[in-house]
Amino acid sequence: MSTPGSSTDTYAANADFWIKIIREQLDRYRTELTDGSVLEAVGECSGARVLDGGCGEGYMSRLLAERGASVVGVDTSETLIASARDHSDARKLQIEYKVANLEDLPDSDATFDIAVCNHVLSDVADPASALLELGRVLRPGGRLVALMLHPCFYTAHAERDASGSIPITTYFSQRRVDQPFVVAGLESPADVHMNFRPLEFYSQAILDAGFLITGLSEPHPPAEWLKEDTWWKKNFVKPLFLLISAKLRS
């Protein structure tokens, strides 16, 4: 998540692209795989106060609110937040949207029961600070659900490149991937900038923020999809996603 309006804020340049992709459900990775994994990790949330960190145009906020949660969605992109507020379903649901940075949240201490970071942590300039902030705004015993591109395997165009690997010296340092996103034949107008750290960085940052890791999974299509569905066979040639669940220590 970049500073709004900065040269690294690619979400402003790509806002219309992302809105189209999400609203028309063109991203099969999300609609068929990762959204269900995130919602399963969240579990029962009726009556819970939930933070959707890096909410984009608000689709995950809407899914959580439809399940009975009271949701606050935050994002650095004013365009995406405006789109989230204007969505017809949002006006019927218990959702509040704010333009904010995960490293400096405007909410009070111990405000939320659950924090969800869906496809966000690789976009955050300082994920360790963001995790500390998430720990601050969660109540004791509150839960974190974080879905990210897989830090051990993701390289440029990793979804189609089975041969690409990360040199060990590069893996253990911060590395950056700059590339346009291509979804359903549509290419983002501007490159997307992603920063990756090794898995040990994320696990330690989560622990340092006061959490206990309660679950770790790698959402992936079942064997029959890879065997029978040409799209999945072509576009999932290595692990692409990591899902971490954690609980704030009381």
C-alpha atoms as a PDB file:
ATOM      1  CA  MET A   1       0.000   0.000   0.000  1.00  0.00           C
ATOM      2  CA  SER A   2       1.659   3.172  -1.191  1.00  0.00           C
ATOM      3  CA  THR A   3       1.369   6.771  -0.103  1.00  0.00           C
ATOM      4  CA  PRO A   4      -1.631   8.267  -1.950  1.00  0.00           C
ATOM      5  CA  GLY A   5      -0.588  10.324  -4.924  1.00  0.00           C
ATOM      6  CA  SER A   6       3.061   9.249  -4.785  1.00  0.00           C
ATOM      7  CA  SER A   7       4.987   7.903  -7.760  1.00  0.00           C
ATOM      8  CA  THR A   8       4.615   4.421  -6.309  1.00  0.00           C
ATOM      9  CA  ASP A   9       0.814   4.667  -6.009  1.00  0.00           C
ATOM     10  CA  THR A  10       0.014   2.482  -9.003  1.00  0.00           C
ATOM     11  CA  TYR A  11      -3.516   1.897  -7.751  1.00  0.00           C
ATOM     12  CA  ALA A  12      -4.445   5.451  -8.744  1.00  0.00           C
ATOM     13  CA  ALA A  13      -3.203   4.835 -12.297  1.00  0.00           C
ATOM     14  CA  ASN A  14      -4.843   1.412 -12.493  1.00  0.00           C
ATOM     15  CA  ALA A  15      -8.049   2.123 -10.575  1.00  0.00           C
ATOM     16  CA  ASP A  16     -10.431   1.780 -13.541  1.00  0.00           C
ATOM     17  CA  PHE A  17      -8.684  -1.434 -14.578  1.00  0.00           C
ATOM     18  CA  TRP A  18      -9.117  -3.005 -11.134  1.00  0.00           C
ATOM     19  CA  ILE A  19     -12.726  -1.855 -10.843  1.00  0.00           C
ATOM     20  CA  LYS A  20     -13.566  -3.506 -14.172  1.00  0.00           C
ATOM     21  CA  ILE A  21     -11.721  -6.719 -13.280  1.00  0.00           C
ATOM     22  CA  ILE A  22     -13.454  -7.055  -9.916  1.00  0.00           C
ATOM     23  CA  ARG A  23     -16.943  -5.878 -10.885  1.00  0.00           C
ATOM     24  CA  GLU A  24     -17.047  -8.176 -13.919  1.00  0.00           C
ATOM     25  CA  GLN A  25     -15.484 -11.065 -11.955  1.00  0.00           C
ATOM     26  CA  LEU A  26     -12.743 -11.559 -14.535  1.00  0.00           C
ATOM     27  CA  ASP A  27     -10.024 -12.677 -12.102  1.00  0.00           C
ATOM     28  CA  ARG A  28     -10.456 -16.440 -11.798  1.00  0.00           C
ATOM     29  CA  TYR A  29      -7.721 -16.668  -9.179  1.00  0.00           C
ATOM     30  CA  ARG A  30      -9.917 -14.637  -6.848  1.00  0.00           C
ATOM     31  CA  THR A  31     -13.413 -15.766  -7.788  1.00  0.00           C
ATOM     32  CA  GLU A  32     -12.646 -19.491  -7.965  1.00  0.00           C
ATOM     33  CA  LEU A  33      -9.805 -19.902  -5.466  1.00  0.00           C
ATOM     34  CA  THR A  34      -8.550 -17.233  -3.079  1.00  0.00           C
ATOM     35  CA  ASP A  35     -11.817 -15.481  -2.129  1.00  0.00           C
ATOM     36  CA  GLY A  36     -13.246 -18.729  -0.821  1.00  0.00           C
ATOM     37  CA  SER A  37     -10.040 -19.497   1.056  1.00  0.00           C
ATOM     38  CA  VAL A  38     -10.073 -16.086   2.749  1.00  0.00           C
ATOM     39  CA  LEU A  39     -13.740 -16.340   3.728  1.00  0.00           C
ATOM     40  CA  GLU A  40     -13.222 -19.871   5.059  1.00  0.00           C
ATOM     41  CA  ALA A  41     -10.308 -18.633   7.190  1.00  0.00           C
ATOM     42  CA  VAL A  42     -12.437 -15.753   8.504  1.00  0.00           C
ATOM     43  CA  GLY A  43     -15.241 -18.151   9.379  1.00  0.00           C
ATOM     44  CA  GLU A  44     -18.338 -17.021  11.248  1.00  0.00           C
ATOM     45  CA  CYS A  45     -18.276 -13.225  11.452  1.00  0.00           C
ATOM     46  CA  SER A  46     -21.883 -12.206  12.059  1.00  0.00           C
ATOM     47  CA  GLY A  47     -21.877  -9.371  14.568  1.00  0.00           C
ATOM     48  CA  ALA A  48     -18.090  -8.986  14.390  1.00  0.00           C
ATOM     49  CA  ARG A  49     -16.364  -5.691  13.694  1.00  0.00           C
ATOM     50  CA  VAL A  50     -14.005  -6.331  10.772  1.00  0.00           C
ATOM     51  CA  LEU A  51     -11.248  -4.240   9.201  1.00  0.00           C
ATOM     52  CA  ASP A  52     -10.726  -4.827   5.475  1.00  0.00           C
ATOM     53  CA  GLY A  53      -7.209  -3.499   5.031  1.00  0.00           C
ATOM     54  CA  GLY A  54      -6.420  -2.508   1.438  1.00  0.00           C
ATOM     55  CA  CYS A  55     -10.047  -2.929   0.426  1.00  0.00           C
ATOM     56  CA  GLY A  56      -9.726  -1.607  -3.129  1.00  0.00           C
ATOM     57  CA  GLU A  57     -13.160  -1.134  -4.691  1.00  0.00           C
ATOM     58  CA  GLY A  58     -14.718  -2.890  -1.724  1.00  0.00           C
ATOM     59  CA  TYR A  59     -15.727  -6.347  -2.919  1.00  0.00           C
ATOM     60  CA  MET A  60     -14.327  -8.237   0.088  1.00  0.00           C
ATOM     61  CA  SER A  61     -15.915  -5.675   2.427  1.00  0.00           C
ATOM     62  CA  ARG A  62     -19.252  -6.424   0.773  1.00  0.00           C
ATOM     63  CA  LEU A  63     -18.780 -10.181   1.071  1.00  0.00           C
ATOM     64  CA  LEU A  64     -17.965  -9.834   4.769  1.00  0.00           C
ATOM     65  CA  ALA A  65     -20.876  -7.463   5.408  1.00  0.00           C
ATOM     66  CA  GLU A  66     -23.240  -9.855   3.625  1.00  0.00           C
ATOM     67  CA  ARG A  67     -22.190 -12.407   6.249  1.00  0.00           C
ATOM     68  CA  GLY A  68     -23.312 -10.088   9.032  1.00  0.00           C
ATOM     69  CA  ALA A  69     -20.080  -8.264   9.869  1.00  0.00           C
ATOM     70  CA  SER A  70     -19.788  -4.548  10.558  1.00  0.00           C
ATOM     71  CA  VAL A  71     -16.945  -3.591   8.207  1.00  0.00           C
ATOM     72  CA  VAL A  72     -14.493  -0.725   7.897  1.00  0.00           C
ATOM     73  CA  GLY A  73     -12.658  -0.765   4.572  1.00  0.00           C
ATOM     74  CA  VAL A  74      -9.471   1.269   4.164  1.00  0.00           C
ATOM     75  CA  ASP A  75      -7.372   1.951   1.084  1.00  0.00           C
ATOM     76  CA  THR A  76      -4.859   4.568  -0.045  1.00  0.00           C
ATOM     77  CA  SER A  77      -6.589   5.143  -3.383  1.00  0.00           C
ATOM     78  CA  GLU A  78      -9.234   7.861  -3.249  1.00  0.00           C
ATOM     79  CA  THR A  79     -10.600   6.647  -6.602  1.00  0.00           C
ATOM     80  CA  LEU A  80     -11.079   3.102  -5.356  1.00  0.00           C
ATOM     81  CA  ILE A  81     -12.660   4.261  -2.095  1.00  0.00           C
ATOM     82  CA  ALA A  82     -15.048   6.510  -4.034  1.00  0.00           C
ATOM     83  CA  SER A  83     -16.010   3.538  -6.197  1.00  0.00           C
ATOM     84  CA  ALA A  84     -16.532   1.378  -3.111  1.00  0.00           C
ATOM     85  CA  ARG A  85     -18.816   3.995  -1.553  1.00  0.00           C
ATOM     86  CA  ASP A  86     -20.823   4.349  -4.762  1.00  0.00           C
ATOM     87  CA  HIS A  87     -21.532   0.648  -5.177  1.00  0.00           C
ATOM     88  CA  SER A  88     -25.265   0.069  -4.795  1.00  0.00           C
ATOM     89  CA  ASP A  89     -24.833  -2.907  -2.445  1.00  0.00           C
ATOM     90  CA  ALA A  90     -22.508  -0.933  -0.158  1.00  0.00           C
ATOM     91  CA  ARG A  91     -25.282   1.526   0.595  1.00  0.00           C
ATOM     92  CA  LYS A  92     -27.444  -1.344   1.878  1.00  0.00           C
ATOM     93  CA  LEU A  93     -24.746  -2.919   4.047  1.00  0.00           C
ATOM     94  CA  GLN A  94     -23.003  -1.986   7.278  1.00  0.00           C
ATOM     95  CA  ILE A  95     -19.750  -0.698   5.744  1.00  0.00           C
ATOM     96  CA  GLU A  96     -17.691   2.430   6.325  1.00  0.00           C
ATOM     97  CA  TYR A  97     -14.902   3.302   3.889  1.00  0.00           C
ATOM     98  CA  LYS A  98     -11.857   5.452   4.656  1.00  0.00           C
ATOM     99  CA  VAL A  99      -8.857   6.684   2.690  1.00  0.00           C
ATOM    100  CA  ALA A 100      -6.000   5.540   4.917  1.00  0.00           C
ATOM    101  CA  ASN A 101      -2.627   3.837   4.981  1.00  0.00           C
ATOM    102  CA  LEU A 102      -2.203   0.512   6.774  1.00  0.00           C
ATOM    103  CA  GLU A 103       0.972   1.803   8.413  1.00  0.00           C
ATOM    104  CA  ASP A 104      -1.002   4.666  10.018  1.00  0.00           C
ATOM    105  CA  LEU A 105      -4.597   3.666  10.639  1.00  0.00           C
ATOM    106  CA  PRO A 106      -7.039   6.316  11.899  1.00  0.00           C
ATOM    107  CA  ASP A 107      -8.900   3.909  14.198  1.00  0.00           C
ATOM    108  CA  SER A 108      -8.614   3.690  17.971  1.00  0.00           C
ATOM    109  CA  ASP A 109      -6.857   0.918  19.861  1.00  0.00           C
ATOM    110  CA  ALA A 110      -8.715  -2.393  20.289  1.00  0.00           C
ATOM    111  CA  THR A 111     -11.483  -1.486  17.838  1.00  0.00           C
ATOM    112  CA  PHE A 112     -11.821  -4.624  15.684  1.00  0.00           C
ATOM    113  CA  ASP A 113     -12.437  -8.345  16.186  1.00  0.00           C
ATOM    114  CA  ILE A 114     -10.945  -9.413  12.822  1.00  0.00           C
ATOM    115  CA  ALA A 115      -8.549  -7.823  10.344  1.00  0.00           C
ATOM    116  CA  VAL A 116      -8.446  -9.066   6.754  1.00  0.00           C
ATOM    117  CA  CYS A 117      -5.599  -8.242   4.365  1.00  0.00           C
ATOM    118  CA  ASN A 118      -6.554  -9.671   0.985  1.00  0.00           C
ATOM    119  CA  HIS A 119      -3.798  -9.426  -1.670  1.00  0.00           C
ATOM    120  CA  VAL A 120      -2.230  -6.505   0.198  1.00  0.00           C
ATOM    121  CA  LEU A 121       1.000  -7.180   2.124  1.00  0.00           C
ATOM    122  CA  SER A 122       3.225  -7.285  -0.959  1.00  0.00           C
ATOM    123  CA  ASP A 123       1.955  -3.779  -1.826  1.00  0.00           C
ATOM    124  CA  VAL A 124       2.672  -2.269   1.593  1.00  0.00           C
ATOM    125  CA  ALA A 125       5.822  -0.154   1.804  1.00  0.00           C
ATOM    126  CA  ASP A 126       6.516  -1.235   5.410  1.00  0.00           C
ATOM    127  CA  PRO A 127       4.660  -4.465   6.223  1.00  0.00           C
ATOM    128  CA  ALA A 128       6.203  -4.763   9.700  1.00  0.00           C
ATOM    129  CA  SER A 129       4.748  -1.365  10.648  1.00  0.00           C
ATOM    130  CA  ALA A 130       1.427  -2.322   9.057  1.00  0.00           C
ATOM    131  CA  LEU A 131       1.264  -5.499  11.132  1.00  0.00           C
ATOM    132  CA  LEU A 132       2.020  -3.513  14.305  1.00  0.00           C
ATOM    133  CA  GLU A 133      -0.861  -1.184  13.428  1.00  0.00           C
ATOM    134  CA  LEU A 134      -3.173  -4.130  12.802  1.00  0.00           C
ATOM    135  CA  GLY A 135      -2.219  -5.514  16.196  1.00  0.00           C
ATOM    136  CA  ARG A 136      -2.936  -2.135  17.768  1.00  0.00           C
ATOM    137  CA  VAL A 137      -6.465  -1.805  16.370  1.00  0.00           C
ATOM    138  CA  LEU A 138      -7.455  -5.406  17.114  1.00  0.00           C
ATOM    139  CA  ARG A 139      -8.959  -6.372  20.437  1.00  0.00           C
ATOM    140  CA  PRO A 140      -7.052  -8.902  22.591  1.00  0.00           C
ATOM    141  CA  GLY A 141      -7.734 -12.285  21.042  1.00  0.00           C
ATOM    142  CA  GLY A 142      -8.632 -10.649  17.721  1.00  0.00           C
ATOM    143  CA  ARG A 143      -7.761 -12.451  14.524  1.00  0.00           C
ATOM    144  CA  LEU A 144      -5.753 -11.612  11.422  1.00  0.00           C
ATOM    145  CA  VAL A 145      -6.339 -13.260   8.034  1.00  0.00           C
ATOM    146  CA  ALA A 146      -3.720 -12.322   5.423  1.00  0.00           C
ATOM    147  CA  LEU A 147      -3.692 -13.609   1.833  1.00  0.00           C
ATOM    148  CA  MET A 148      -0.638 -12.646  -0.245  1.00  0.00           C
ATOM    149  CA  LEU A 149       1.267 -13.627  -3.334  1.00  0.00           C
ATOM    150  CA  HIS A 150       3.603 -16.421  -2.293  1.00  0.00           C
ATOM    151  CA  PRO A 151       6.916 -14.905  -1.142  1.00  0.00           C
ATOM    152  CA  CYS A 152       8.799 -18.164  -1.773  1.00  0.00           C
ATOM    153  CA  PHE A 153       7.720 -18.659  -5.376  1.00  0.00           C
ATOM    154  CA  TYR A 154       6.350 -15.474  -6.902  1.00  0.00           C
ATOM    155  CA  THR A 155       8.444 -13.945  -9.673  1.00  0.00           C
ATOM    156  CA  ALA A 156       7.487 -11.793 -12.642  1.00  0.00           C
ATOM    157  CA  HIS A 157       4.737 -13.609 -14.548  1.00  0.00           C
ATOM    158  CA  ALA A 158       5.007 -16.534 -12.135  1.00  0.00           C
ATOM    159  CA  GLU A 159       1.496 -17.705 -13.003  1.00  0.00           C
ATOM    160  CA  ARG A 160       2.735 -18.854 -16.419  1.00  0.00           C
ATOM    161  CA  ASP A 161       6.484 -19.342 -15.875  1.00  0.00           C
ATOM    162  CA  ALA A 162       7.274 -22.770 -14.474  1.00  0.00           C
ATOM    163  CA  SER A 163      11.019 -22.392 -15.005  1.00  0.00           C
ATOM    164  CA  GLY A 164      11.590 -19.114 -13.169  1.00  0.00           C
ATOM    165  CA  SER A 165      13.266 -19.380  -9.778  1.00  0.00           C
ATOM    166  CA  ILE A 166      14.478 -16.929  -7.157  1.00  0.00           C
ATOM    167  CA  PRO A 167      18.246 -16.893  -6.514  1.00  0.00           C
ATOM    168  CA  ILE A 168      18.911 -17.694  -2.874  1.00  0.00           C
ATOM    169  CA  THR A 169      20.825 -14.448  -2.307  1.00  0.00           C
ATOM    170  CA  THR A 170      17.905 -12.500  -3.737  1.00  0.00           C
ATOM    171  CA  TYR A 171      15.292 -14.434  -1.784  1.00  0.00           C
ATOM    172  CA  PHE A 172      16.740 -13.449   1.593  1.00  0.00           C
ATOM    173  CA  SER A 173      16.612  -9.741   0.804  1.00  0.00           C
ATOM    174  CA  GLN A 174      13.790  -7.448  -0.177  1.00  0.00           C
ATOM    175  CA  ARG A 175      13.052  -7.891  -3.871  1.00  0.00           C
ATOM    176  CA  ARG A 176      10.784  -5.926  -6.154  1.00  0.00           C
ATOM    177  CA  VAL A 177       8.658  -7.099  -9.074  1.00  0.00           C
ATOM    178  CA  ASP A 178       7.455  -4.487 -11.564  1.00  0.00           C
ATOM    179  CA  GLN A 179       5.056  -5.675 -14.231  1.00  0.00           C
ATOM    180  CA  PRO A 180       1.694  -4.939 -15.777  1.00  0.00           C
ATOM    181  CA  PHE A 181      -1.077  -7.250 -14.647  1.00  0.00           C
ATOM    182  CA  VAL A 182      -2.862  -9.155 -17.396  1.00  0.00           C
ATOM    183  CA  VAL A 183      -6.303 -10.496 -16.504  1.00  0.00           C
ATOM    184  CA  ALA A 184      -8.679 -12.090 -19.014  1.00  0.00           C
ATOM    185  CA  GLY A 185      -6.666 -10.562 -21.838  1.00  0.00           C
ATOM    186  CA  LEU A 186      -6.786  -7.060 -20.347  1.00  0.00           C
ATOM    187  CA  GLU A 187      -3.523  -5.367 -19.349  1.00  0.00           C
ATOM    188  CA  SER A 188      -3.211  -2.779 -16.594  1.00  0.00           C
ATOM    189  CA  PRO A 189      -2.367   0.708 -17.925  1.00  0.00           C
ATOM    190  CA  ALA A 190       0.591   1.047 -15.550  1.00  0.00           C
ATOM    191  CA  ASP A 191       3.051  -1.412 -14.059  1.00  0.00           C
ATOM    192  CA  VAL A 192       2.189  -2.800 -10.645  1.00  0.00           C
ATOM    193  CA  HIS A 193       5.026  -2.561  -8.111  1.00  0.00           C
ATOM    194  CA  MET A 194       5.279  -5.375  -5.574  1.00  0.00           C
ATOM    195  CA  ASN A 195       7.840  -5.885  -2.818  1.00  0.00           C
ATOM    196  CA  PHE A 196       8.617  -9.313  -1.431  1.00  0.00           C
ATOM    197  CA  ARG A 197      10.507 -10.435   1.640  1.00  0.00           C
ATOM    198  CA  PRO A 198      11.415 -13.980   2.713  1.00  0.00           C
ATOM    199  CA  LEU A 199       8.869 -16.060   4.584  1.00  0.00           C
ATOM    200  CA  GLU A 200      10.856 -15.718   7.817  1.00  0.00           C
ATOM    201  CA  PHE A 201      10.414 -11.935   7.620  1.00  0.00           C
ATOM    202  CA  TYR A 202       6.615 -12.198   7.550  1.00  0.00           C
ATOM    203  CA  SER A 203       6.447 -14.796  10.311  1.00  0.00           C
ATOM    204  CA  GLN A 204       8.729 -12.750  12.578  1.00  0.00           C
ATOM    205  CA  ALA A 205       6.874  -9.510  11.839  1.00  0.00           C
ATOM    206  CA  ILE A 206       3.588 -11.199  12.745  1.00  0.00           C
ATOM    207  CA  LEU A 207       5.062 -12.482  16.012  1.00  0.00           C
ATOM    208  CA  ASP A 208       6.637  -9.089  16.808  1.00  0.00           C
ATOM    209  CA  ALA A 209       3.239  -7.455  16.334  1.00  0.00           C
ATOM    210  CA  GLY A 210       1.854  -9.586  19.159  1.00  0.00           C
ATOM    211  CA  PHE A 211       0.224 -12.386  17.173  1.00  0.00           C
ATOM    212  CA  LEU A 212       0.391 -16.140  17.383  1.00  0.00           C
ATOM    213  CA  ILE A 213       0.236 -17.866  14.000  1.00  0.00           C
ATOM    214  CA  THR A 214      -2.689 -20.279  14.029  1.00  0.00           C
ATOM    215  CA  GLY A 215      -2.793 -21.391  10.399  1.00  0.00           C
ATOM    216  CA  LEU A 216      -0.739 -21.412   7.230  1.00  0.00           C
ATOM    217  CA  SER A 217      -1.972 -22.711   3.898  1.00  0.00           C
ATOM    218  CA  GLU A 218      -1.219 -22.345   0.205  1.00  0.00           C
ATOM    219  CA  PRO A 219      -4.504 -22.042  -1.721  1.00  0.00           C
ATOM    220  CA  HIS A 220      -4.238 -24.111  -4.875  1.00  0.00           C
ATOM    221  CA  PRO A 221      -6.609 -25.691  -7.384  1.00  0.00           C
ATOM    222  CA  PRO A 222      -7.503 -29.353  -6.821  1.00  0.00           C
ATOM    223  CA  ALA A 223      -5.819 -31.981  -8.969  1.00  0.00           C
ATOM    224  CA  GLU A 224      -8.858 -32.417 -11.208  1.00  0.00           C
ATOM    225  CA  TRP A 225      -8.814 -28.718 -12.161  1.00  0.00           C
ATOM    226  CA  LEU A 226      -5.166 -28.940 -13.166  1.00  0.00           C
ATOM    227  CA  LYS A 227      -5.889 -32.096 -15.142  1.00  0.00           C
ATOM    228  CA  GLU A 228      -9.151 -31.154 -16.817  1.00  0.00           C
ATOM    229  CA  ASP A 229      -9.256 -27.323 -17.013  1.00  0.00           C
ATOM    230  CA  THR A 230      -6.918 -25.894 -19.654  1.00  0.00           C
ATOM    231  CA  TRP A 231      -6.912 -22.450 -18.058  1.00  0.00           C
ATOM    232  CA  TRP A 232      -5.755 -23.699 -14.659  1.00  0.00           C
ATOM    233  CA  LYS A 233      -3.224 -26.033 -16.251  1.00  0.00           C
ATOM    234  CA  LYS A 234      -1.683 -23.084 -18.108  1.00  0.00           C
ATOM    235  CA  ASN A 235      -1.938 -20.440 -15.392  1.00  0.00           C
ATOM    236  CA  PHE A 236      -1.046 -22.284 -12.180  1.00  0.00           C
ATOM    237  CA  VAL A 237       2.371 -23.817 -12.766  1.00  0.00           C
ATOM    238  CA  LYS A 238       3.816 -23.101  -9.316  1.00  0.00           C
ATOM    239  CA  PRO A 239       2.455 -22.114  -5.882  1.00  0.00           C
ATOM    240  CA  LEU A 240       1.147 -18.560  -6.184  1.00  0.00           C
ATOM    241  CA  PHE A 241      -0.553 -17.758  -2.872  1.00  0.00           C
ATOM    242  CA  LEU A 242       0.087 -17.912   0.865  1.00  0.00           C
ATOM    243  CA  LEU A 243      -2.660 -17.570   3.479  1.00  0.00           C
ATOM    244  CA  ILE A 244      -1.699 -16.858   7.097  1.00  0.00           C
ATOM    245  CA  SER A 245      -4.110 -16.816  10.020  1.00  0.00           C
ATOM    246  CA  ALA A 246      -3.042 -15.408  13.377  1.00  0.00           C
ATOM    247  CA  LYS A 247      -4.525 -14.495  16.759  1.00  0.00           C
ATOM    248  CA  LEU A 248      -3.545 -11.496  18.843  1.00  0.00           C
ATOM    249  CA  ARG A 249      -2.180 -12.535  22.216  1.00  0.00           C
ATOM    250  CA  SER A 250      -4.443 -11.555  25.097  1.00  0.00           C
END
